[in-house]
Amino acid sequence: MKKHILIILVSALIAFVSCEENFSPKIAFEEEYAVHCIIGVSAVWPQFTPIVYISSLYDVPGLNPELNEKDPALSGAKVSLSYKHITNYELIEDTSILYHPEYPDSIIYIRYNKYNNPYIFYTDTASIPVRSENIRLDVELPDGKLLFAETKFPSGIFFEYSYEFPSGFTALWERWKTGNYWTIFWEPHDDQLYFSSLNLSYTIEKDSVLLYRSKEVPLEYISRNGESIPVYPTYKKFGELNYHFDSVDKFFKSLSEEAGEGGNIIIRDMTLNVVQYDRELARYYSSTNGYLDEHSVRLDQQIYSNINGGIGIFGTYKINTIPIGVDPRYTLSLGYKTSPGN
């Protein structure tokens, strides 16, 4: 009897949805503007050049956004950045996107967008100093509408280690002194996200040719279906990285396979990179990639926006880079070199 009732209810629901003439996955279109500005800085670089994109929302017949033919990019806006007690930095409208290696937020030059128009963005002709206080973005649209947002650059990170290697990292160590893991940790800040990697720089010397390489060091290896799988850091809220000595040692030894017969490995050094997302950018990332948890996804989470009067994101991030040496004795014990020709 219960089975028949369930079938009747499901059939009724299907009939209701099928007969509902107004059913549509699209919501009613409302005119709105989107502002996008993400500023990246290095921990050792005191200035930045902002890039602000402004566009209007658009509607298309049907459900395919590719049918839109009108460029949504907005020209003619007045855009400025300011600190609390600092004169506004007025941004200019530009269409020349260039890449600068010293500015993490610069991008590769692209001449035209999909509408065959130059990209429109707002920037500053001079670099703006990084300050440890709130920075505000103000946008006045051509029709007089005002949009604004605030954020703050992440403060720097002070790194600590479970063991300070006097001559550089080595896996040739009595584990009763250090345990099985080498831990890198720092004091986390509330509402920030951290993206970390430990990269080894080395050179392959073969037939008088030097090939420069860089690889990320895994935290550890796990066994899956009889195969050894490297595990790398994911984004996290807390400040701790645990590198298993045996896994790092295995990683170093595996480099010889790449060199092949007659090739030599020259170990240079390791570099720790930790990228801090500020609160606004962390919330935006979490709303599009889960909810501050790398093991779950929130399907009901709306995309975060901090643009007052519109939608979009105004956020910052900081790249923290620390060189970590490798003990020459450890390098030599692996059969590798510390410099070319040695």
Protein backbone atom coordinates (compact mmCIF):
# COMPACT_ATOMS: atom_id res chain seq x y z
CA MET A 1 0.00 0.00 0.00
CA LYS A 2 2.83 2.40 0.96
CA LYS A 3 4.55 1.63 -2.35
CA HIS A 4 1.42 2.62 -4.31
CA ILE A 5 1.06 5.86 -2.33
CA LEU A 6 4.73 6.76 -3.05
CA ILE A 7 4.26 6.17 -6.78
CA ILE A 8 1.14 8.38 -6.81
CA LEU A 9 2.97 11.21 -5.00
CA VAL A 10 5.97 11.09 -7.34
CA SER A 11 3.68 11.01 -10.39
CA ALA A 12 1.74 14.01 -9.08
CA LEU A 13 4.98 15.96 -8.50
CA ILE A 14 6.19 15.25 -12.05
CA ALA A 15 2.84 16.30 -13.46
CA PHE A 16 2.89 19.53 -11.45
CA VAL A 17 6.39 20.48 -12.63
CA SER A 18 5.59 19.50 -16.22
CA CYS A 19 2.42 21.62 -16.28
CA GLU A 20 3.95 24.68 -14.62
CA GLU A 21 4.32 27.11 -17.53
CA ASN A 22 6.37 29.68 -15.59
CA PHE A 23 9.04 27.27 -14.35
CA SER A 24 12.55 28.42 -15.31
CA PRO A 25 16.05 27.98 -13.82
CA LYS A 26 16.67 31.69 -14.58
CA ILE A 27 15.73 34.43 -12.13
CA ALA A 28 14.26 37.77 -13.13
CA PHE A 29 16.98 39.97 -14.63
CA GLU A 30 18.01 43.05 -12.67
CA GLU A 31 20.54 45.59 -13.86
CA GLU A 32 23.63 45.40 -11.68
CA TYR A 33 27.36 46.08 -11.89
CA ALA A 34 30.29 43.86 -10.99
CA VAL A 35 33.68 45.08 -9.75
CA HIS A 36 36.71 42.82 -9.59
CA CYS A 37 40.05 43.83 -8.05
CA ILE A 38 42.51 41.37 -6.48
CA ILE A 39 45.87 42.84 -5.46
CA GLY A 40 48.86 40.58 -4.88
CA VAL A 41 52.04 41.76 -3.18
CA SER A 42 55.31 40.20 -2.16
CA ALA A 43 56.39 40.31 1.47
CA VAL A 44 59.56 42.14 0.36
CA TRP A 45 58.02 44.41 -2.29
CA PRO A 46 56.58 47.62 -0.74
CA GLN A 47 54.44 48.76 -3.69
CA PHE A 48 51.74 47.51 -6.04
CA THR A 49 49.98 48.47 -9.25
CA PRO A 50 46.20 47.84 -9.09
CA ILE A 51 44.03 46.51 -11.90
CA VAL A 52 40.26 47.06 -11.56
CA TYR A 53 37.68 45.52 -13.89
CA ILE A 54 34.11 46.84 -14.06
CA SER A 55 31.29 45.24 -16.01
CA SER A 56 27.51 45.18 -16.14
CA LEU A 57 25.38 42.08 -15.81
CA TYR A 58 23.60 40.98 -18.97
CA ASP A 59 20.73 38.76 -20.00
CA VAL A 60 20.47 36.41 -22.97
CA PRO A 61 17.55 34.60 -24.58
CA GLY A 62 17.57 31.07 -23.29
CA LEU A 63 20.29 29.62 -21.05
CA ASN A 64 23.46 29.94 -23.12
CA PRO A 65 25.61 32.93 -21.95
CA GLU A 66 27.72 32.61 -25.13
CA LEU A 67 24.81 34.14 -27.06
CA ASN A 68 25.57 37.57 -25.60
CA GLU A 69 26.85 39.96 -28.26
CA LYS A 70 27.26 43.19 -26.26
CA ASP A 71 30.56 43.73 -24.42
CA PRO A 72 29.67 44.10 -20.69
CA ALA A 73 32.94 45.92 -19.85
CA LEU A 74 32.27 49.44 -18.60
CA SER A 75 34.11 52.54 -19.79
CA GLY A 76 34.00 56.04 -18.37
CA ALA A 77 33.96 55.26 -14.65
CA LYS A 78 35.87 57.23 -12.00
CA VAL A 79 37.93 54.86 -9.85
CA SER A 80 40.18 55.57 -6.88
CA LEU A 81 42.00 53.83 -4.04
CA SER A 82 42.69 55.45 -0.69
CA TYR A 83 43.99 54.85 2.80
CA LYS A 84 42.34 56.52 5.75
CA HIS A 85 44.66 59.51 6.02
CA ILE A 86 46.17 59.44 2.53
CA THR A 87 45.11 61.42 -0.54
CA ASN A 88 43.17 59.36 -3.07
CA TYR A 89 45.07 57.57 -5.80
CA GLU A 90 43.02 58.26 -8.90
CA LEU A 91 43.12 55.38 -11.40
CA ILE A 92 43.08 55.85 -15.15
CA GLU A 93 41.24 53.87 -17.79
CA ASP A 94 43.58 51.76 -19.89
CA THR A 95 43.59 48.92 -22.41
CA SER A 96 47.28 47.89 -22.30
CA ILE A 97 47.69 44.77 -20.19
CA LEU A 98 51.35 43.99 -19.61
CA TYR A 99 53.18 41.42 -17.51
CA HIS A 100 55.77 42.60 -14.99
CA PRO A 101 57.72 39.87 -13.12
CA GLU A 102 58.02 41.99 -9.96
CA TYR A 103 54.25 42.49 -9.63
CA PRO A 104 52.36 39.31 -8.67
CA ASP A 105 49.05 40.85 -9.79
CA SER A 106 50.14 41.69 -13.34
CA ILE A 107 49.03 39.41 -16.17
CA ILE A 108 50.19 38.44 -19.63
CA TYR A 109 49.24 40.87 -22.38
CA ILE A 110 46.11 39.92 -24.36
CA ARG A 111 45.12 42.33 -27.10
CA TYR A 112 41.40 41.68 -27.61
CA ASN A 113 38.61 40.04 -25.66
CA LYS A 114 35.95 37.67 -27.03
CA TYR A 115 33.95 40.64 -28.36
CA ASN A 116 36.95 41.72 -30.45
CA ASN A 117 37.42 44.81 -28.25
CA PRO A 118 40.45 45.88 -26.21
CA TYR A 119 40.22 44.89 -22.56
CA ILE A 120 39.06 47.83 -20.43
CA PHE A 121 40.47 48.18 -16.95
CA TYR A 122 41.49 50.87 -14.48
CA THR A 123 45.03 51.19 -13.12
CA ASP A 124 47.61 53.63 -11.78
CA THR A 125 50.55 54.97 -13.77
CA ALA A 126 52.69 54.85 -10.62
CA SER A 127 53.01 52.23 -7.90
CA ILE A 128 50.99 52.61 -4.70
CA PRO A 129 52.68 51.89 -1.35
CA VAL A 130 51.58 48.93 0.75
CA ARG A 131 50.37 50.00 4.20
CA SER A 132 49.16 48.02 7.21
CA GLU A 133 45.76 49.71 7.34
CA ASN A 134 42.44 49.47 5.55
CA ILE A 135 42.45 50.38 1.88
CA ARG A 136 39.26 51.54 0.19
CA LEU A 137 38.13 51.20 -3.41
CA ASP A 138 35.62 53.78 -4.72
CA VAL A 139 33.86 53.56 -8.09
CA GLU A 140 31.60 56.21 -9.58
CA LEU A 141 29.77 54.91 -12.65
CA PRO A 142 28.93 57.14 -15.63
CA ASP A 143 25.29 57.34 -14.45
CA GLY A 144 26.40 58.62 -11.03
CA LYS A 145 25.90 55.33 -9.15
CA LEU A 146 28.48 54.81 -6.37
CA LEU A 147 30.12 51.51 -5.42
CA PHE A 148 32.77 50.94 -2.76
CA ALA A 149 34.61 48.27 -0.79
CA GLU A 150 37.34 47.97 1.84
CA THR A 151 39.99 45.40 2.63
CA LYS A 152 43.41 45.16 4.27
CA PHE A 153 46.73 43.66 3.22
CA PRO A 154 47.69 40.56 5.23
CA SER A 155 50.47 41.15 7.73
CA GLY A 156 53.71 39.22 7.34
CA ILE A 157 54.40 35.72 8.62
CA PHE A 158 57.06 34.76 11.15
CA PHE A 159 58.09 31.16 10.52
CA GLU A 160 59.31 28.74 13.16
CA TYR A 161 60.64 25.20 12.80
CA SER A 162 60.57 22.09 14.94
CA TYR A 163 64.32 21.89 14.35
CA GLU A 164 66.77 24.48 13.01
CA PHE A 165 69.28 22.71 10.78
CA PRO A 166 72.62 24.52 11.26
CA SER A 167 73.99 23.53 7.83
CA GLY A 168 70.76 23.18 5.87
CA PHE A 169 68.10 20.49 5.64
CA THR A 170 69.20 16.88 5.92
CA ALA A 171 67.48 13.53 6.39
CA LEU A 172 70.70 12.08 7.84
CA TRP A 173 69.64 12.65 11.39
CA GLU A 174 69.05 10.70 14.56
CA ARG A 175 65.27 10.74 14.77
CA TRP A 176 65.19 10.62 18.55
CA LYS A 177 66.20 14.29 18.41
CA THR A 178 63.63 15.45 15.88
CA GLY A 179 60.96 12.75 15.58
CA ASN A 180 59.78 11.49 12.19
CA TYR A 181 58.50 14.85 10.99
CA TRP A 182 60.02 18.23 10.29
CA THR A 183 57.38 20.83 11.15
CA ILE A 184 57.15 24.36 9.79
CA PHE A 185 54.63 26.50 11.64
CA TRP A 186 53.43 30.08 12.05
CA GLU A 187 50.77 31.97 13.98
CA PRO A 188 47.63 32.02 11.80
CA HIS A 189 45.35 35.04 11.52
CA ASP A 190 41.58 34.82 11.85
CA ASP A 191 39.60 34.47 8.61
CA GLN A 192 42.67 34.02 6.41
CA LEU A 193 43.56 31.15 4.10
CA TYR A 194 47.07 29.84 3.41
CA PHE A 195 48.38 28.12 0.27
CA SER A 196 51.77 26.54 0.87
CA SER A 197 54.48 24.75 -1.07
CA LEU A 198 58.09 23.72 -0.50
CA ASN A 199 59.99 23.66 -3.79
CA LEU A 200 63.41 22.22 -4.55
CA SER A 201 65.58 23.90 -7.18
CA TYR A 202 68.13 21.69 -8.89
CA THR A 203 70.01 21.31 -12.14
CA ILE A 204 70.49 18.35 -14.45
CA GLU A 205 73.98 18.32 -15.94
CA LYS A 206 74.23 16.17 -19.06
CA ASP A 207 76.46 16.36 -22.15
CA SER A 208 77.83 19.74 -20.99
CA VAL A 209 74.30 21.14 -20.90
CA LEU A 210 72.66 22.49 -17.73
CA LEU A 211 68.89 22.06 -17.41
CA TYR A 212 67.30 23.99 -14.55
CA ARG A 213 64.40 22.31 -12.76
CA SER A 214 62.07 22.94 -9.82
CA LYS A 215 59.78 20.44 -8.10
CA GLU A 216 57.45 20.61 -5.14
CA VAL A 217 58.46 18.49 -2.16
CA PRO A 218 55.63 16.23 -0.90
CA LEU A 219 54.57 16.14 2.73
CA GLU A 220 54.59 12.36 2.57
CA TYR A 221 53.82 9.36 0.39
CA ILE A 222 50.82 7.12 0.86
CA SER A 223 50.15 3.68 -0.60
CA ARG A 224 47.08 3.38 -2.81
CA ASN A 225 46.30 0.29 -4.87
CA GLY A 226 49.90 -0.80 -4.57
CA GLU A 227 51.18 2.55 -5.85
CA SER A 228 53.12 5.18 -3.90
CA ILE A 229 51.24 8.51 -4.15
CA PRO A 230 52.78 11.85 -3.10
CA VAL A 231 50.66 14.10 -0.85
CA TYR A 232 51.02 17.88 -1.08
CA PRO A 233 49.63 20.70 1.08
CA THR A 234 46.12 21.99 0.38
CA TYR A 235 44.65 25.32 1.42
CA LYS A 236 44.17 25.63 5.17
CA LYS A 237 43.26 28.01 7.98
CA PHE A 238 45.95 26.89 10.41
CA GLY A 239 49.69 27.48 10.09
CA GLU A 240 51.44 24.13 10.15
CA LEU A 241 53.24 21.91 7.64
CA ASN A 242 54.54 18.46 8.58
CA TYR A 243 57.13 16.91 6.27
CA HIS A 244 57.94 13.25 6.91
CA PHE A 245 61.71 12.72 6.83
CA ASP A 246 61.48 9.38 5.04
CA SER A 247 59.21 10.87 2.37
CA VAL A 248 61.48 13.85 1.76
CA ASP A 249 64.44 11.48 1.55
CA LYS A 250 62.53 9.35 -0.96
CA PHE A 251 61.73 12.46 -3.00
CA PHE A 252 65.40 13.49 -3.15
CA LYS A 253 66.49 10.01 -4.20
CA SER A 254 63.87 9.89 -6.98
CA LEU A 255 65.58 12.81 -8.78
CA SER A 256 68.28 10.47 -10.10
CA GLU A 257 65.68 8.76 -12.32
CA GLU A 258 65.17 12.02 -14.21
CA ALA A 259 68.88 12.50 -14.85
CA GLY A 260 69.22 9.13 -16.56
CA GLU A 261 72.48 7.42 -17.44
CA GLY A 262 75.43 9.79 -17.66
CA GLY A 263 73.54 12.66 -16.07
CA ASN A 264 74.31 14.45 -12.85
CA ILE A 265 72.03 16.16 -10.36
CA ILE A 266 73.20 19.44 -8.85
CA ILE A 267 71.20 20.41 -5.76
CA ARG A 268 70.72 24.16 -5.29
CA ASP A 269 68.27 24.95 -2.47
CA MET A 270 64.67 24.77 -1.34
CA THR A 271 62.16 27.62 -1.17
CA LEU A 272 59.14 27.80 1.12
CA ASN A 273 56.23 29.73 -0.40
CA VAL A 274 53.16 30.63 1.64
CA VAL A 275 50.43 32.74 0.03
CA GLN A 276 48.09 34.53 2.47
CA TYR A 277 44.57 35.40 1.38
CA ASP A 278 43.06 38.30 3.31
CA ARG A 279 39.64 37.91 4.96
CA GLU A 280 37.68 39.13 1.93
CA LEU A 281 39.53 36.97 -0.58
CA ALA A 282 39.39 33.97 1.77
CA ARG A 283 35.63 34.28 2.05
CA TYR A 284 35.28 34.64 -1.70
CA TYR A 285 37.47 31.59 -2.34
CA SER A 286 35.59 29.56 0.28
CA SER A 287 32.22 30.44 -1.25
CA THR A 288 33.35 29.17 -4.65
CA ASN A 289 35.48 26.19 -3.53
CA GLY A 290 33.86 24.91 -0.33
CA TYR A 291 33.50 26.41 3.10
CA LEU A 292 36.89 26.68 4.81
CA ASP A 293 37.19 22.93 4.69
CA GLU A 294 39.12 21.01 2.04
CA HIS A 295 37.05 17.90 2.75
CA SER A 296 33.59 19.30 2.03
CA VAL A 297 31.63 21.47 -0.39
CA ARG A 298 28.72 23.74 0.52
CA LEU A 299 26.17 23.56 -2.31
CA ASP A 300 23.94 26.21 -0.70
CA GLN A 301 26.70 28.78 -0.23
CA GLN A 302 26.22 31.99 -2.20
CA ILE A 303 29.25 33.53 -3.90
CA TYR A 304 30.70 36.04 -1.47
CA SER A 305 30.77 39.72 -2.45
CA ASN A 306 32.09 42.75 -0.55
CA ILE A 307 31.18 45.38 -3.16
CA ASN A 308 28.65 47.77 -1.63
CA GLY A 309 26.12 48.83 -4.26
CA GLY A 310 27.03 45.99 -6.61
CA ILE A 311 28.63 42.55 -6.67
CA GLY A 312 32.20 41.31 -6.97
CA ILE A 313 35.34 41.13 -4.88
CA PHE A 314 37.99 43.55 -3.65
CA GLY A 315 40.68 41.50 -1.93
CA THR A 316 44.40 41.16 -1.37
CA TYR A 317 46.99 38.45 -0.91
CA LYS A 318 50.63 38.35 0.15
CA ILE A 319 53.36 36.00 -1.06
CA ASN A 320 55.84 35.00 1.67
CA THR A 321 59.03 33.38 0.40
CA ILE A 322 61.77 31.87 2.60
CA PRO A 323 64.95 30.21 1.24
CA ILE A 324 65.91 26.94 2.94
CA GLY A 325 69.35 25.52 2.31
CA VAL A 326 70.24 21.86 1.82
CA ASP A 327 73.15 20.39 3.78
CA PRO A 328 76.03 19.68 1.32
CA ARG A 329 76.86 16.46 3.19
CA TYR A 330 73.33 15.21 2.57
CA THR A 331 73.61 16.15 -1.11
CA LEU A 332 76.89 14.27 -1.51
CA SER A 333 75.55 11.22 0.37
CA LEU A 334 72.87 10.88 -2.33
CA GLY A 335 75.48 10.88 -5.09
CA TYR A 336 74.54 14.38 -6.23
CA LYS A 337 76.70 17.46 -6.71
CA THR A 338 76.71 20.82 -4.95
CA SER A 339 77.99 22.77 -7.98
CA PRO A 340 78.72 22.11 -11.69
CA GLY A 341 81.88 20.20 -12.45
CA ASN A 342 82.46 18.92 -8.89
